[in-house]
Amino acid sequence: MVKLKTKEEIDKLIKGGKILSKILKEVAAEAKPGVKTIELDALAERLIRQAGGRPSFKYYQADEDDPPFLQHYVLLLMMN
């Protein structure tokens, strides 16, 4: 069964998407030769927290009784 979102939920998703888009653009602008991925990760986390958010992947727990997923990073990066 599909649960439809309320207008308020949709508005929150739109607002969050705009914030994320801005953060990703700022991080992408810093992705240059010589910049370490750990530096980009720290920038992303700082920008997320400054925007009032929290990194959703960092120490993720599917259930409060489960041990946290020990993902210490905010970004998932692939370098080609």
C-alpha atoms as a PDB file:
ATOM      1  CA  MET A   1       0.000   0.000   0.000  1.00  0.00           C
ATOM      2  CA  VAL A   2       1.310   3.422  -0.954  1.00  0.00           C
ATOM      3  CA  LYS A   3       0.989   6.149   1.669  1.00  0.00           C
ATOM      4  CA  LEU A   4       0.641   9.557   0.066  1.00  0.00           C
ATOM      5  CA  LYS A   5       2.598  12.438   1.540  1.00  0.00           C
ATOM      6  CA  THR A   6       0.830  15.416   3.051  1.00  0.00           C
ATOM      7  CA  LYS A   7       1.500  18.921   1.753  1.00  0.00           C
ATOM      8  CA  GLU A   8       3.587  19.594   4.869  1.00  0.00           C
ATOM      9  CA  GLU A   9       5.711  16.485   4.253  1.00  0.00           C
ATOM     10  CA  ILE A  10       6.195  17.444   0.619  1.00  0.00           C
ATOM     11  CA  ASP A  11       7.194  20.978   1.632  1.00  0.00           C
ATOM     12  CA  LYS A  12       9.807  19.557   4.043  1.00  0.00           C
ATOM     13  CA  LEU A  13      11.200  17.311   1.299  1.00  0.00           C
ATOM     14  CA  ILE A  14      11.449  20.266  -1.093  1.00  0.00           C
ATOM     15  CA  LYS A  15      13.181  22.413   1.535  1.00  0.00           C
ATOM     16  CA  GLY A  16      15.627  19.617   2.381  1.00  0.00           C
ATOM     17  CA  GLY A  17      16.343  18.984  -1.284  1.00  0.00           C
ATOM     18  CA  LYS A  18      17.208  22.641  -1.837  1.00  0.00           C
ATOM     19  CA  ILE A  19      19.559  22.626   1.140  1.00  0.00           C
ATOM     20  CA  LEU A  20      21.219  19.406  -0.052  1.00  0.00           C
ATOM     21  CA  SER A  21      21.602  20.781  -3.576  1.00  0.00           C
ATOM     22  CA  LYS A  22      23.394  23.867  -2.240  1.00  0.00           C
ATOM     23  CA  ILE A  23      25.690  21.756  -0.057  1.00  0.00           C
ATOM     24  CA  LEU A  24      26.583  19.375  -2.890  1.00  0.00           C
ATOM     25  CA  LYS A  25      27.395  22.315  -5.181  1.00  0.00           C
ATOM     26  CA  GLU A  26      29.706  23.789  -2.539  1.00  0.00           C
ATOM     27  CA  VAL A  27      31.440  20.455  -1.995  1.00  0.00           C
ATOM     28  CA  ALA A  28      31.753  19.818  -5.748  1.00  0.00           C
ATOM     29  CA  ALA A  29      33.358  23.256  -6.193  1.00  0.00           C
ATOM     30  CA  GLU A  30      36.098  22.184  -3.773  1.00  0.00           C
ATOM     31  CA  ALA A  31      36.739  18.826  -5.487  1.00  0.00           C
ATOM     32  CA  LYS A  32      40.016  19.589  -7.237  1.00  0.00           C
ATOM     33  CA  PRO A  33      43.278  17.739  -7.765  1.00  0.00           C
ATOM     34  CA  GLY A  34      45.168  17.555  -4.485  1.00  0.00           C
ATOM     35  CA  VAL A  35      42.107  17.930  -2.234  1.00  0.00           C
ATOM     36  CA  LYS A  36      41.691  14.854  -0.060  1.00  0.00           C
ATOM     37  CA  THR A  37      38.330  13.114   0.095  1.00  0.00           C
ATOM     38  CA  ILE A  38      38.453  13.345   3.895  1.00  0.00           C
ATOM     39  CA  GLU A  39      38.579  17.144   3.509  1.00  0.00           C
ATOM     40  CA  LEU A  40      35.500  17.080   1.273  1.00  0.00           C
ATOM     41  CA  ASP A  41      33.766  14.859   3.795  1.00  0.00           C
ATOM     42  CA  ALA A  42      34.551  17.269   6.643  1.00  0.00           C
ATOM     43  CA  LEU A  43      33.271  20.186   4.552  1.00  0.00           C
ATOM     44  CA  ALA A  44      30.043  18.352   3.784  1.00  0.00           C
ATOM     45  CA  GLU A  45      29.476  17.526   7.442  1.00  0.00           C
ATOM     46  CA  ARG A  46      30.175  21.099   8.519  1.00  0.00           C
ATOM     47  CA  LEU A  47      27.764  22.510   5.916  1.00  0.00           C
ATOM     48  CA  ILE A  48      25.052  20.000   6.836  1.00  0.00           C
ATOM     49  CA  ARG A  49      25.332  20.870  10.521  1.00  0.00           C
ATOM     50  CA  GLN A  50      25.429  24.623   9.799  1.00  0.00           C
ATOM     51  CA  ALA A  51      22.165  24.187   7.888  1.00  0.00           C
ATOM     52  CA  GLY A  52      20.614  22.595  10.977  1.00  0.00           C
ATOM     53  CA  GLY A  53      20.814  19.034   9.684  1.00  0.00           C
ATOM     54  CA  ARG A  54      22.639  15.885  10.656  1.00  0.00           C
ATOM     55  CA  PRO A  55      24.480  13.505   8.339  1.00  0.00           C
ATOM     56  CA  SER A  56      22.060  10.650   7.743  1.00  0.00           C
ATOM     57  CA  PHE A  57      24.661   7.942   7.018  1.00  0.00           C
ATOM     58  CA  LYS A  58      27.051   8.666   9.860  1.00  0.00           C
ATOM     59  CA  TYR A  59      26.576   6.038  12.568  1.00  0.00           C
ATOM     60  CA  TYR A  60      23.235   4.979  11.044  1.00  0.00           C
ATOM     61  CA  GLN A  61      21.140   2.529  13.073  1.00  0.00           C
ATOM     62  CA  ALA A  62      18.249   0.698  11.433  1.00  0.00           C
ATOM     63  CA  ASP A  63      16.800   0.030  14.871  1.00  0.00           C
ATOM     64  CA  GLU A  64      17.764   1.547  18.210  1.00  0.00           C
ATOM     65  CA  ASP A  65      18.649  -1.931  19.500  1.00  0.00           C
ATOM     66  CA  ASP A  66      21.043  -2.551  16.604  1.00  0.00           C
ATOM     67  CA  PRO A  67      24.666  -1.502  16.833  1.00  0.00           C
ATOM     68  CA  PRO A  68      25.375   1.576  14.711  1.00  0.00           C
ATOM     69  CA  PHE A  69      26.670   1.101  11.197  1.00  0.00           C
ATOM     70  CA  LEU A  70      30.210   2.317  11.705  1.00  0.00           C
ATOM     71  CA  GLN A  71      30.303   4.518   8.659  1.00  0.00           C
ATOM     72  CA  HIS A  72      32.541   7.333   9.833  1.00  0.00           C
ATOM     73  CA  TYR A  73      32.036   9.397   6.711  1.00  0.00           C
ATOM     74  CA  VAL A  74      29.283  11.675   5.478  1.00  0.00           C
ATOM     75  CA  LEU A  75      29.974  11.329   1.745  1.00  0.00           C
ATOM     76  CA  LEU A  76      30.172   8.252  -0.421  1.00  0.00           C
ATOM     77  CA  LEU A  77      32.767   9.158  -3.037  1.00  0.00           C
ATOM     78  CA  MET A  78      34.036   7.311  -6.086  1.00  0.00           C
ATOM     79  CA  MET A  79      37.186   8.560  -7.695  1.00  0.00           C
ATOM     80  CA  ASN A  80      37.792   7.834 -11.379  1.00  0.00           C
END
